[in-house]
Every structure is written in structure tokens, then in C-alpha cells.
Amino acid sequence: MNFPKDAELHQVTIKNSKRDSIRKPVDIEGYYNSGTGWHACKIYDISTGGAALKLNQFFIEGDEILLRFGSNSKIEIFNTTVANVNGQRIGIRFKNDTTTKRLIESIMASN
């Protein structure tokens, strides 16, 4: 079986995927706030459109939460919307603007 070289790889659209951008597996400590203070979570994949989180709180699609990467309070805080829920794992969608996209790209590049 022949596999493509790195230069030959390209983005593939998966029909069942709700994300329009490429996901990157990560292991990032994060914090979320749904109005009851900051709580720890694990960010386990990220794209410029959204991220997947593991946490200990129940959410429903459409809930709005704040998300922070890492424990530094000076790090950018992102407004997000819960896109899907699977037990303790949720998918969130980032605000769709150029500034957010650039910040997420820099986080992806550093991890």
C-alpha cells in the first residue's frame, strides 16, 4: 500500500463532520465559564472553527460559554457556542471573525 508524501496531503471533507476546517489533536489545559465561575477542562482537538472539550458539567446545544486556553488570566478569552454534546465531551464553535481565527491559528501552531 502506498501512502502520499507530506507534500501530497490535502484537506478532505468528511460528509458527517460538522466542522469546515481541519482538526488538530491537542492536549491543552483549558478553563470555561458558563456563568458560575471558571472551571478546568481538557481541550483535546482544535480547529479554526471550533474545539472539542472534556469537562464535568452538562451542556446542551446552543449554550454559550467562555473559553480560555491555559491558566494565565491574561490569555485571550473566547466567546463560544456549544455545537454538540456527547456526555462529558462537547464540541464548541468559535465566533467567526478574522481576529479569532488568527488567535486560534497561533495557538494551533504552538501546540
PDB file of N, CA and C in Angstrom:
ATOM      1  N   MET A   1       0.844  -1.171   0.000  1.00  0.00           N
ATOM      2  CA  MET A   1       0.000   0.000   0.000  1.00  0.00           C
ATOM      3  C   MET A   1       0.891   1.236   0.000  1.00  0.00           C
ATOM      4  N   ASN A   2       0.633   2.173  -0.885  1.00  0.00           N
ATOM      5  CA  ASN A   2       1.414   3.399  -0.972  1.00  0.00           C
ATOM      6  C   ASN A   2       0.666   4.536  -0.302  1.00  0.00           C
ATOM      7  N   PHE A   3       1.360   5.270   0.555  1.00  0.00           N
ATOM      8  CA  PHE A   3       0.785   6.425   1.218  1.00  0.00           C
ATOM      9  C   PHE A   3       1.377   7.681   0.611  1.00  0.00           C
ATOM     10  N   PRO A   4       0.593   8.776   0.521  1.00  0.00           N
ATOM     11  CA  PRO A   4       1.125  10.014  -0.064  1.00  0.00           C
ATOM     12  C   PRO A   4       2.193  10.634   0.818  1.00  0.00           C
ATOM     13  N   LYS A   5       3.143  11.286   0.197  1.00  0.00           N
ATOM     14  CA  LYS A   5       4.156  12.043   0.931  1.00  0.00           C
ATOM     15  C   LYS A   5       3.493  13.271   1.521  1.00  0.00           C
ATOM     16  N   ASP A   6       4.141  13.884   2.536  1.00  0.00           N
ATOM     17  CA  ASP A   6       3.564  15.057   3.200  1.00  0.00           C
ATOM     18  C   ASP A   6       3.131  16.132   2.207  1.00  0.00           C
ATOM     19  N   ALA A   7       3.938  16.372   1.182  1.00  0.00           N
ATOM     20  CA  ALA A   7       3.630  17.425   0.222  1.00  0.00           C
ATOM     21  C   ALA A   7       2.378  17.102  -0.595  1.00  0.00           C
ATOM     22  N   GLU A   8       1.982  15.812  -0.621  1.00  0.00           N
ATOM     23  CA  GLU A   8       0.833  15.413  -1.406  1.00  0.00           C
ATOM     24  C   GLU A   8      -0.460  15.374  -0.593  1.00  0.00           C
ATOM     25  N   LEU A   9      -0.369  15.608   0.712  1.00  0.00           N
ATOM     26  CA  LEU A   9      -1.566  15.584   1.547  1.00  0.00           C
ATOM     27  C   LEU A   9      -2.418  16.809   1.275  1.00  0.00           C
ATOM     28  N   HIS A  10      -3.713  16.654   1.374  1.00  0.00           N
ATOM     29  CA  HIS A  10      -4.617  17.776   1.164  1.00  0.00           C
ATOM     30  C   HIS A  10      -5.841  17.591   2.049  1.00  0.00           C
ATOM     31  N   GLN A  11      -6.599  18.650   2.222  1.00  0.00           N
ATOM     32  CA  GLN A  11      -7.786  18.609   3.076  1.00  0.00           C
ATOM     33  C   GLN A  11      -8.851  17.742   2.422  1.00  0.00           C
ATOM     34  N   VAL A  12      -9.439  16.890   3.225  1.00  0.00           N
ATOM     35  CA  VAL A  12     -10.517  16.029   2.770  1.00  0.00           C
ATOM     36  C   VAL A  12     -11.764  16.397   3.558  1.00  0.00           C
ATOM     37  N   THR A  13     -12.880  16.540   2.888  1.00  0.00           N
ATOM     38  CA  THR A  13     -14.130  16.844   3.563  1.00  0.00           C
ATOM     39  C   THR A  13     -14.812  15.538   3.932  1.00  0.00           C
ATOM     40  N   ILE A  14     -15.139  15.390   5.200  1.00  0.00           N
ATOM     41  CA  ILE A  14     -15.836  14.208   5.678  1.00  0.00           C
ATOM     42  C   ILE A  14     -17.315  14.573   5.754  1.00  0.00           C
ATOM     43  N   LYS A  15     -18.158  13.817   5.094  1.00  0.00           N
ATOM     44  CA  LYS A  15     -19.574  14.164   4.988  1.00  0.00           C
ATOM     45  C   LYS A  15     -20.253  14.329   6.337  1.00  0.00           C
ATOM     46  N   ASN A  16     -19.919  13.513   7.330  1.00  0.00           N
ATOM     47  CA  ASN A  16     -20.589  13.581   8.620  1.00  0.00           C
ATOM     48  C   ASN A  16     -19.974  14.607   9.569  1.00  0.00           C
ATOM     49  N   SER A  17     -18.876  15.231   9.180  1.00  0.00           N
ATOM     50  CA  SER A  17     -18.214  16.201  10.037  1.00  0.00           C
ATOM     51  C   SER A  17     -18.961  17.529   9.986  1.00  0.00           C
ATOM     52  N   LYS A  18     -19.158  18.140  11.156  1.00  0.00           N
ATOM     53  CA  LYS A  18     -19.824  19.433  11.206  1.00  0.00           C
ATOM     54  C   LYS A  18     -18.828  20.580  11.057  1.00  0.00           C
ATOM     55  N   ARG A  19     -17.534  20.282  11.104  1.00  0.00           N
ATOM     56  CA  ARG A  19     -16.530  21.330  11.004  1.00  0.00           C
ATOM     57  C   ARG A  19     -16.087  21.537   9.571  1.00  0.00           C
ATOM     58  N   ASP A  20     -15.857  22.797   9.222  1.00  0.00           N
ATOM     59  CA  ASP A  20     -15.396  23.144   7.885  1.00  0.00           C
ATOM     60  C   ASP A  20     -13.883  23.206   7.795  1.00  0.00           C
ATOM     61  N   SER A  21     -13.196  23.165   8.926  1.00  0.00           N
ATOM     62  CA  SER A  21     -11.745  23.301   8.923  1.00  0.00           C
ATOM     63  C   SER A  21     -11.085  22.058   9.518  1.00  0.00           C
ATOM     64  N   ILE A  22      -9.807  21.929   9.266  1.00  0.00           N
ATOM     65  CA  ILE A  22      -9.048  20.751   9.684  1.00  0.00           C
ATOM     66  C   ILE A  22      -8.859  20.743  11.196  1.00  0.00           C
ATOM     67  N   ARG A  23      -9.091  19.589  11.810  1.00  0.00           N
ATOM     68  CA  ARG A  23      -8.912  19.419  13.254  1.00  0.00           C
ATOM     69  C   ARG A  23      -7.476  19.039  13.562  1.00  0.00           C
ATOM     70  N   LYS A  24      -6.979  19.537  14.676  1.00  0.00           N
ATOM     71  CA  LYS A  24      -5.640  19.171  15.139  1.00  0.00           C
ATOM     72  C   LYS A  24      -5.777  18.559  16.533  1.00  0.00           C
ATOM     73  N   PRO A  25      -5.345  17.309  16.711  1.00  0.00           N
ATOM     74  CA  PRO A  25      -5.380  16.722  18.058  1.00  0.00           C
ATOM     75  C   PRO A  25      -4.413  17.482  18.971  1.00  0.00           C
ATOM     76  N   VAL A  26      -4.853  17.823  20.166  1.00  0.00           N
ATOM     77  CA  VAL A  26      -4.028  18.541  21.140  1.00  0.00           C
ATOM     78  C   VAL A  26      -4.316  17.991  22.532  1.00  0.00           C
ATOM     79  N   ASP A  27      -3.546  18.409  23.480  1.00  0.00           N
ATOM     80  CA  ASP A  27      -3.759  18.081  24.889  1.00  0.00           C
ATOM     81  C   ASP A  27      -3.480  19.363  25.661  1.00  0.00           C
ATOM     82  N   ILE A  28      -4.475  20.238  25.718  1.00  0.00           N
ATOM     83  CA  ILE A  28      -4.304  21.571  26.292  1.00  0.00           C
ATOM     84  C   ILE A  28      -5.190  21.727  27.524  1.00  0.00           C
ATOM     85  N   GLU A  29      -4.603  22.253  28.588  1.00  0.00           N
ATOM     86  CA  GLU A  29      -5.385  22.602  29.767  1.00  0.00           C
ATOM     87  C   GLU A  29      -6.181  23.850  29.426  1.00  0.00           C
ATOM     88  N   GLY A  30      -7.456  23.840  29.747  1.00  0.00           N
ATOM     89  CA  GLY A  30      -8.286  24.995  29.475  1.00  0.00           C
ATOM     90  C   GLY A  30      -9.207  25.288  30.639  1.00  0.00           C
ATOM     91  N   TYR A  31      -9.907  26.392  30.528  1.00  0.00           N
ATOM     92  CA  TYR A  31     -10.888  26.793  31.538  1.00  0.00           C
ATOM     93  C   TYR A  31     -12.104  27.346  30.831  1.00  0.00           C
ATOM     94  N   TYR A  32     -13.277  27.015  31.334  1.00  0.00           N
ATOM     95  CA  TYR A  32     -14.512  27.511  30.753  1.00  0.00           C
ATOM     96  C   TYR A  32     -15.346  28.176  31.836  1.00  0.00           C
ATOM     97  N   ASN A  33     -16.216  29.078  31.395  1.00  0.00           N
ATOM     98  CA  ASN A  33     -17.100  29.794  32.306  1.00  0.00           C
ATOM     99  C   ASN A  33     -18.466  29.888  31.648  1.00  0.00           C
ATOM    100  N   SER A  34     -19.456  29.316  32.318  1.00  0.00           N
ATOM    101  CA  SER A  34     -20.825  29.375  31.791  1.00  0.00           C
ATOM    102  C   SER A  34     -21.699  30.262  32.668  1.00  0.00           C
ATOM    103  N   GLY A  35     -21.039  31.094  33.483  1.00  0.00           N
ATOM    104  CA  GLY A  35     -21.770  31.997  34.359  1.00  0.00           C
ATOM    105  C   GLY A  35     -21.625  31.662  35.827  1.00  0.00           C
ATOM    106  N   THR A  36     -20.925  30.555  36.114  1.00  0.00           N
ATOM    107  CA  THR A  36     -20.747  30.130  37.511  1.00  0.00           C
ATOM    108  C   THR A  36     -19.281  30.134  37.935  1.00  0.00           C
ATOM    109  N   GLY A  37     -18.462  30.895  37.245  1.00  0.00           N
ATOM    110  CA  GLY A  37     -17.032  30.939  37.556  1.00  0.00           C
ATOM    111  C   GLY A  37     -16.235  30.056  36.603  1.00  0.00           C
ATOM    112  N   TRP A  38     -14.912  30.106  36.742  1.00  0.00           N
ATOM    113  CA  TRP A  38     -14.014  29.358  35.864  1.00  0.00           C
ATOM    114  C   TRP A  38     -13.820  27.944  36.382  1.00  0.00           C
ATOM    115  N   HIS A  39     -13.909  26.972  35.453  1.00  0.00           N
ATOM    116  CA  HIS A  39     -13.746  25.558  35.775  1.00  0.00           C
ATOM    117  C   HIS A  39     -12.761  24.935  34.789  1.00  0.00           C
ATOM    118  N   ALA A  40     -11.966  23.970  35.277  1.00  0.00           N
ATOM    119  CA  ALA A  40     -10.979  23.304  34.428  1.00  0.00           C
ATOM    120  C   ALA A  40     -11.647  22.401  33.402  1.00  0.00           C
ATOM    121  N   CYS A  41     -11.011  22.299  32.242  1.00  0.00           N
ATOM    122  CA  CYS A  41     -11.441  21.363  31.207  1.00  0.00           C
ATOM    123  C   CYS A  41     -10.206  20.921  30.429  1.00  0.00           C
ATOM    124  N   LYS A  42     -10.356  19.922  29.614  1.00  0.00           N
ATOM    125  CA  LYS A  42      -9.283  19.441  28.744  1.00  0.00           C
ATOM    126  C   LYS A  42      -9.712  19.698  27.306  1.00  0.00           C
ATOM    127  N   ILE A  43      -8.855  20.365  26.537  1.00  0.00           N
ATOM    128  CA  ILE A  43      -9.119  20.613  25.122  1.00  0.00           C
ATOM    129  C   ILE A  43      -8.353  19.528  24.368  1.00  0.00           C
ATOM    130  N   TYR A  44      -9.076  18.669  23.641  1.00  0.00           N
ATOM    131  CA  TYR A  44      -8.391  17.542  23.010  1.00  0.00           C
ATOM    132  C   TYR A  44      -8.354  17.591  21.486  1.00  0.00           C
ATOM    133  N   ASP A  45      -9.059  18.502  20.870  1.00  0.00           N
ATOM    134  CA  ASP A  45      -8.790  18.816  19.466  1.00  0.00           C
ATOM    135  C   ASP A  45      -9.282  20.219  19.173  1.00  0.00           C
ATOM    136  N   ILE A  46      -8.685  20.809  18.135  1.00  0.00           N
ATOM    137  CA  ILE A  46      -8.960  22.217  17.848  1.00  0.00           C
ATOM    138  C   ILE A  46      -8.877  22.445  16.344  1.00  0.00           C
ATOM    139  N   SER A  47      -9.664  23.384  15.878  1.00  0.00           N
ATOM    140  CA  SER A  47      -9.581  23.874  14.504  1.00  0.00           C
ATOM    141  C   SER A  47      -9.907  25.363  14.562  1.00  0.00           C
ATOM    142  N   THR A  48      -9.774  26.044  13.449  1.00  0.00           N
ATOM    143  CA  THR A  48     -10.084  27.471  13.463  1.00  0.00           C
ATOM    144  C   THR A  48     -11.573  27.717  13.644  1.00  0.00           C
ATOM    145  N   GLY A  49     -12.394  26.699  13.442  1.00  0.00           N
ATOM    146  CA  GLY A  49     -13.836  26.854  13.598  1.00  0.00           C
ATOM    147  C   GLY A  49     -14.376  26.453  14.957  1.00  0.00           C
ATOM    148  N   GLY A  50     -13.631  25.605  15.683  1.00  0.00           N
ATOM    149  CA  GLY A  50     -14.132  25.130  16.963  1.00  0.00           C
ATOM    150  C   GLY A  50     -13.148  24.235  17.665  1.00  0.00           C
ATOM    151  N   ALA A  51     -13.611  23.613  18.743  1.00  0.00           N
ATOM    152  CA  ALA A  51     -12.742  22.733  19.529  1.00  0.00           C
ATOM    153  C   ALA A  51     -13.595  21.665  20.197  1.00  0.00           C
ATOM    154  N   ALA A  52     -12.924  20.620  20.658  1.00  0.00           N
ATOM    155  CA  ALA A  52     -13.581  19.566  21.416  1.00  0.00           C
ATOM    156  C   ALA A  52     -13.038  19.602  22.834  1.00  0.00           C
ATOM    157  N   LEU A  53     -13.935  19.572  23.812  1.00  0.00           N
ATOM    158  CA  LEU A  53     -13.562  19.689  25.219  1.00  0.00           C
ATOM    159  C   LEU A  53     -14.082  18.495  26.005  1.00  0.00           C
ATOM    160  N   LYS A  54     -13.347  18.157  27.060  1.00  0.00           N
ATOM    161  CA  LYS A  54     -13.831  17.199  28.037  1.00  0.00           C
ATOM    162  C   LYS A  54     -13.964  17.960  29.344  1.00  0.00           C
ATOM    163  N   LEU A  55     -15.152  17.869  29.974  1.00  0.00           N
ATOM    164  CA  LEU A  55     -15.400  18.632  31.196  1.00  0.00           C
ATOM    165  C   LEU A  55     -16.395  17.904  32.072  1.00  0.00           C
ATOM    166  N   ASN A  56     -16.641  18.449  33.251  1.00  0.00           N
ATOM    167  CA  ASN A  56     -17.524  17.815  34.229  1.00  0.00           C
ATOM    168  C   ASN A  56     -18.789  18.623  34.470  1.00  0.00           C
ATOM    169  N   GLN A  57     -19.443  19.050  33.404  1.00  0.00           N
ATOM    170  CA  GLN A  57     -20.677  19.805  33.530  1.00  0.00           C
ATOM    171  C   GLN A  57     -21.570  19.468  32.350  1.00  0.00           C
ATOM    172  N   PHE A  58     -22.850  19.519  32.542  1.00  0.00           N
ATOM    173  CA  PHE A  58     -23.796  19.203  31.489  1.00  0.00           C
ATOM    174  C   PHE A  58     -24.135  20.463  30.695  1.00  0.00           C
ATOM    175  N   PHE A  59     -24.098  20.347  29.377  1.00  0.00           N
ATOM    176  CA  PHE A  59     -24.491  21.441  28.483  1.00  0.00           C
ATOM    177  C   PHE A  59     -25.456  20.913  27.439  1.00  0.00           C
ATOM    178  N   ILE A  60     -26.160  21.823  26.796  1.00  0.00           N
ATOM    179  CA  ILE A  60     -26.993  21.471  25.654  1.00  0.00           C
ATOM    180  C   ILE A  60     -26.567  22.326  24.466  1.00  0.00           C
ATOM    181  N   GLU A  61     -26.858  21.842  23.269  1.00  0.00           N
ATOM    182  CA  GLU A  61     -26.509  22.591  22.067  1.00  0.00           C
ATOM    183  C   GLU A  61     -27.111  23.982  22.143  1.00  0.00           C
ATOM    184  N   GLY A  62     -26.297  24.970  21.774  1.00  0.00           N
ATOM    185  CA  GLY A  62     -26.749  26.359  21.787  1.00  0.00           C
ATOM    186  C   GLY A  62     -26.320  27.133  23.026  1.00  0.00           C
ATOM    187  N   ASP A  63     -25.908  26.420  24.091  1.00  0.00           N
ATOM    188  CA  ASP A  63     -25.407  27.122  25.281  1.00  0.00           C
ATOM    189  C   ASP A  63     -24.185  27.945  24.903  1.00  0.00           C
ATOM    190  N   GLU A  64     -24.024  29.080  25.532  1.00  0.00           N
ATOM    191  CA  GLU A  64     -22.862  29.932  25.291  1.00  0.00           C
ATOM    192  C   GLU A  64     -21.933  29.844  26.483  1.00  0.00           C
ATOM    193  N   ILE A  65     -20.647  29.645  26.198  1.00  0.00           N
ATOM    194  CA  ILE A  65     -19.645  29.576  27.262  1.00  0.00           C
ATOM    195  C   ILE A  65     -18.412  30.373  26.848  1.00  0.00           C
ATOM    196  N   LEU A  66     -17.679  30.826  27.849  1.00  0.00           N
ATOM    197  CA  LEU A  66     -16.389  31.476  27.620  1.00  0.00           C
ATOM    198  C   LEU A  66     -15.309  30.403  27.744  1.00  0.00           C
ATOM    199  N   LEU A  67     -14.279  30.491  26.917  1.00  0.00           N
ATOM    200  CA  LEU A  67     -13.194  29.513  26.943  1.00  0.00           C
ATOM    201  C   LEU A  67     -11.859  30.233  26.991  1.00  0.00           C
ATOM    202  N   ARG A  68     -10.976  29.720  27.833  1.00  0.00           N
ATOM    203  CA  ARG A  68      -9.616  30.265  27.978  1.00  0.00           C
ATOM    204  C   ARG A  68      -8.642  29.103  27.849  1.00  0.00           C
ATOM    205  N   PHE A  69      -7.573  29.287  27.103  1.00  0.00           N
ATOM    206  CA  PHE A  69      -6.528  28.286  26.946  1.00  0.00           C
ATOM    207  C   PHE A  69      -5.463  28.523  27.999  1.00  0.00           C
ATOM    208  N   GLY A  70      -5.168  27.516  28.827  1.00  0.00           N
ATOM    209  CA  GLY A  70      -4.163  27.658  29.867  1.00  0.00           C
ATOM    210  C   GLY A  70      -4.701  28.398  31.074  1.00  0.00           C
ATOM    211  N   SER A  71      -3.844  28.530  32.080  1.00  0.00           N
ATOM    212  CA  SER A  71      -4.287  29.115  33.351  1.00  0.00           C
ATOM    213  C   SER A  71      -3.972  30.599  33.485  1.00  0.00           C
ATOM    214  N   ASN A  72      -3.271  31.169  32.532  1.00  0.00           N
ATOM    215  CA  ASN A  72      -2.896  32.575  32.598  1.00  0.00           C
ATOM    216  C   ASN A  72      -4.121  33.460  32.336  1.00  0.00           C
ATOM    217  N   SER A  73      -4.483  34.279  33.293  1.00  0.00           N
ATOM    218  CA  SER A  73      -5.683  35.111  33.156  1.00  0.00           C
ATOM    219  C   SER A  73      -5.528  36.194  32.096  1.00  0.00           C
ATOM    220  N   LYS A  74      -4.318  36.423  31.603  1.00  0.00           N
ATOM    221  CA  LYS A  74      -4.101  37.435  30.571  1.00  0.00           C
ATOM    222  C   LYS A  74      -4.304  36.875  29.166  1.00  0.00           C
ATOM    223  N   ILE A  75      -4.480  35.556  29.068  1.00  0.00           N
ATOM    224  CA  ILE A  75      -4.701  34.925  27.770  1.00  0.00           C
ATOM    225  C   ILE A  75      -6.084  35.310  27.257  1.00  0.00           C
ATOM    226  N   GLU A  76      -6.200  35.438  25.972  1.00  0.00           N
ATOM    227  CA  GLU A  76      -7.472  35.793  25.332  1.00  0.00           C
ATOM    228  C   GLU A  76      -8.605  34.870  25.780  1.00  0.00           C
ATOM    229  N   ILE A  77      -9.765  35.449  25.990  1.00  0.00           N
ATOM    230  CA  ILE A  77     -10.964  34.694  26.342  1.00  0.00           C
ATOM    231  C   ILE A  77     -11.857  34.669  25.103  1.00  0.00           C
ATOM    232  N   PHE A  78     -12.323  33.471  24.733  1.00  0.00           N
ATOM    233  CA  PHE A  78     -13.114  33.292  23.528  1.00  0.00           C
ATOM    234  C   PHE A  78     -14.579  33.076  23.868  1.00  0.00           C
ATOM    235  N   ASN A  79     -15.467  33.773  23.156  1.00  0.00           N
ATOM    236  CA  ASN A  79     -16.904  33.518  23.243  1.00  0.00           C
ATOM    237  C   ASN A  79     -17.197  32.334  22.334  1.00  0.00           C
ATOM    238  N   THR A  80     -17.848  31.309  22.872  1.00  0.00           N
ATOM    239  CA  THR A  80     -18.131  30.114  22.085  1.00  0.00           C
ATOM    240  C   THR A  80     -19.579  29.683  22.267  1.00  0.00           C
ATOM    241  N   THR A  81     -20.021  28.837  21.357  1.00  0.00           N
ATOM    242  CA  THR A  81     -21.356  28.245  21.418  1.00  0.00           C
ATOM    243  C   THR A  81     -21.208  26.729  21.375  1.00  0.00           C
ATOM    244  N   VAL A  82     -21.935  26.031  22.234  1.00  0.00           N
ATOM    245  CA  VAL A  82     -21.900  24.569  22.239  1.00  0.00           C
ATOM    246  C   VAL A  82     -22.580  24.081  20.958  1.00  0.00           C
ATOM    247  N   ALA A  83     -21.832  23.288  20.168  1.00  0.00           N
ATOM    248  CA  ALA A  83     -22.338  22.791  18.887  1.00  0.00           C
ATOM    249  C   ALA A  83     -22.869  21.365  18.997  1.00  0.00           C
ATOM    250  N   ASN A  84     -22.265  20.552  19.865  1.00  0.00           N
ATOM    251  CA  ASN A  84     -22.746  19.189  20.061  1.00  0.00           C
ATOM    252  C   ASN A  84     -22.316  18.681  21.422  1.00  0.00           C
ATOM    253  N   VAL A  85     -23.038  17.691  21.922  1.00  0.00           N
ATOM    254  CA  VAL A  85     -22.790  17.151  23.258  1.00  0.00           C
ATOM    255  C   VAL A  85     -22.772  15.632  23.176  1.00  0.00           C
ATOM    256  N   ASN A  86     -21.756  15.046  23.815  1.00  0.00           N
ATOM    257  CA  ASN A  86     -21.655  13.592  23.910  1.00  0.00           C
ATOM    258  C   ASN A  86     -21.161  13.264  25.317  1.00  0.00           C
ATOM    259  N   GLY A  87     -22.056  13.280  26.279  1.00  0.00           N
ATOM    260  CA  GLY A  87     -21.681  13.037  27.678  1.00  0.00           C
ATOM    261  C   GLY A  87     -20.812  14.169  28.201  1.00  0.00           C
ATOM    262  N   GLN A  88     -19.611  13.808  28.689  1.00  0.00           N
ATOM    263  CA  GLN A  88     -18.682  14.809  29.216  1.00  0.00           C
ATOM    264  C   GLN A  88     -17.858  15.479  28.118  1.00  0.00           C
ATOM    265  N   ARG A  89     -18.075  15.093  26.890  1.00  0.00           N
ATOM    266  CA  ARG A  89     -17.350  15.687  25.763  1.00  0.00           C
ATOM    267  C   ARG A  89     -18.308  16.566  24.977  1.00  0.00           C
ATOM    268  N   ILE A  90     -17.846  17.782  24.712  1.00  0.00           N
ATOM    269  CA  ILE A  90     -18.669  18.706  23.917  1.00  0.00           C
ATOM    270  C   ILE A  90     -17.835  19.289  22.785  1.00  0.00           C
ATOM    271  N   GLY A  91     -18.515  19.671  21.737  1.00  0.00           N
ATOM    272  CA  GLY A  91     -17.894  20.419  20.651  1.00  0.00           C
ATOM    273  C   GLY A  91     -18.372  21.848  20.741  1.00  0.00           C
ATOM    274  N   ILE A  92     -17.446  22.774  20.628  1.00  0.00           N
ATOM    275  CA  ILE A  92     -17.821  24.189  20.677  1.00  0.00           C
ATOM    276  C   ILE A  92     -17.435  24.864  19.364  1.00  0.00           C
ATOM    277  N   ARG A  93     -18.143  25.933  19.047  1.00  0.00           N
ATOM    278  CA  ARG A  93     -17.888  26.704  17.838  1.00  0.00           C
ATOM    279  C   ARG A  93     -17.385  28.084  18.254  1.00  0.00           C
ATOM    280  N   PHE A  94     -16.275  28.516  17.641  1.00  0.00           N
ATOM    281  CA  PHE A  94     -15.742  29.849  17.904  1.00  0.00           C
ATOM    282  C   PHE A  94     -16.512  30.894  17.114  1.00  0.00           C
ATOM    283  N   LYS A  95     -16.479  32.125  17.609  1.00  0.00           N
ATOM    284  CA  LYS A  95     -17.008  33.266  16.870  1.00  0.00           C
ATOM    285  C   LYS A  95     -16.260  33.332  15.542  1.00  0.00           C
ATOM    286  N   ASN A  96     -16.964  33.576  14.457  1.00  0.00           N
ATOM    287  CA  ASN A  96     -16.356  33.550  13.128  1.00  0.00           C
ATOM    288  C   ASN A  96     -15.904  34.949  12.719  1.00  0.00           C
ATOM    289  N   ASP A  97     -14.677  35.310  13.104  1.00  0.00           N
ATOM    290  CA  ASP A  97     -14.116  36.595  12.675  1.00  0.00           C
ATOM    291  C   ASP A  97     -12.606  36.446  12.485  1.00  0.00           C
ATOM    292  N   THR A  98     -12.013  37.381  11.803  1.00  0.00           N
ATOM    293  CA  THR A  98     -10.600  37.307  11.451  1.00  0.00           C
ATOM    294  C   THR A  98      -9.695  37.282  12.677  1.00  0.00           C
ATOM    295  N   THR A  99      -9.980  38.096  13.682  1.00  0.00           N
ATOM    296  CA  THR A  99      -9.147  38.148  14.887  1.00  0.00           C
ATOM    297  C   THR A  99      -9.153  36.804  15.607  1.00  0.00           C
ATOM    298  N   THR A 100     -10.329  36.225  15.802  1.00  0.00           N
ATOM    299  CA  THR A 100     -10.426  34.923  16.471  1.00  0.00           C
ATOM    300  C   THR A 100      -9.665  33.873  15.674  1.00  0.00           C
ATOM    301  N   LYS A 101      -9.846  33.856  14.363  1.00  0.00           N
ATOM    302  CA  LYS A 101      -9.164  32.880  13.512  1.00  0.00           C
ATOM    303  C   LYS A 101      -7.649  32.985  13.659  1.00  0.00           C
ATOM    304  N   ARG A 102      -7.111  34.201  13.656  1.00  0.00           N
ATOM    305  CA  ARG A 102      -5.656  34.391  13.794  1.00  0.00           C
ATOM    306  C   ARG A 102      -5.155  33.914  15.159  1.00  0.00           C
ATOM    307  N   LEU A 103      -5.908  34.217  16.213  1.00  0.00           N
ATOM    308  CA  LEU A 103      -5.514  33.777  17.555  1.00  0.00           C
ATOM    309  C   LEU A 103      -5.529  32.252  17.658  1.00  0.00           C
ATOM    310  N   ILE A 104      -6.538  31.618  17.123  1.00  0.00           N
ATOM    311  CA  ILE A 104      -6.632  30.155  17.163  1.00  0.00           C
ATOM    312  C   ILE A 104      -5.504  29.542  16.331  1.00  0.00           C
ATOM    313  N   GLU A 105      -5.205  30.116  15.178  1.00  0.00           N
ATOM    314  CA  GLU A 105      -4.093  29.610  14.365  1.00  0.00           C
ATOM    315  C   GLU A 105      -2.774  29.692  15.123  1.00  0.00           C
ATOM    316  N   SER A 106      -2.555  30.761  15.904  1.00  0.00           N
ATOM    317  CA  SER A 106      -1.311  30.869  16.664  1.00  0.00           C
ATOM    318  C   SER A 106      -1.277  29.840  17.799  1.00  0.00           C
ATOM    319  N   ILE A 107      -2.415  29.556  18.420  1.00  0.00           N
ATOM    320  CA  ILE A 107      -2.472  28.516  19.457  1.00  0.00           C
ATOM    321  C   ILE A 107      -2.198  27.159  18.823  1.00  0.00           C
ATOM    322  N   MET A 108      -2.781  26.881  17.658  1.00  0.00           N
ATOM    323  CA  MET A 108      -2.563  25.611  16.983  1.00  0.00           C
ATOM    324  C   MET A 108      -1.099  25.436  16.609  1.00  0.00           C
ATOM    325  N   ALA A 109      -0.451  26.512  16.157  1.00  0.00           N
ATOM    326  CA  ALA A 109       0.948  26.433  15.750  1.00  0.00           C
ATOM    327  C   ALA A 109       1.888  26.191  16.933  1.00  0.00           C
ATOM    328  N   SER A 110       1.491  26.639  18.109  1.00  0.00           N
ATOM    329  CA  SER A 110       2.380  26.491  19.268  1.00  0.00           C
ATOM    330  C   SER A 110       2.178  25.158  19.995  1.00  0.00           C
ATOM    331  N   ASN A 111       1.214  24.360  19.579  1.00  0.00           N
ATOM    332  CA  ASN A 111       0.956  23.071  20.229  1.00  0.00           C
ATOM    333  C   ASN A 111       1.184  21.923  19.285  1.00  0.00           C
TER     334      ASN A 111
END
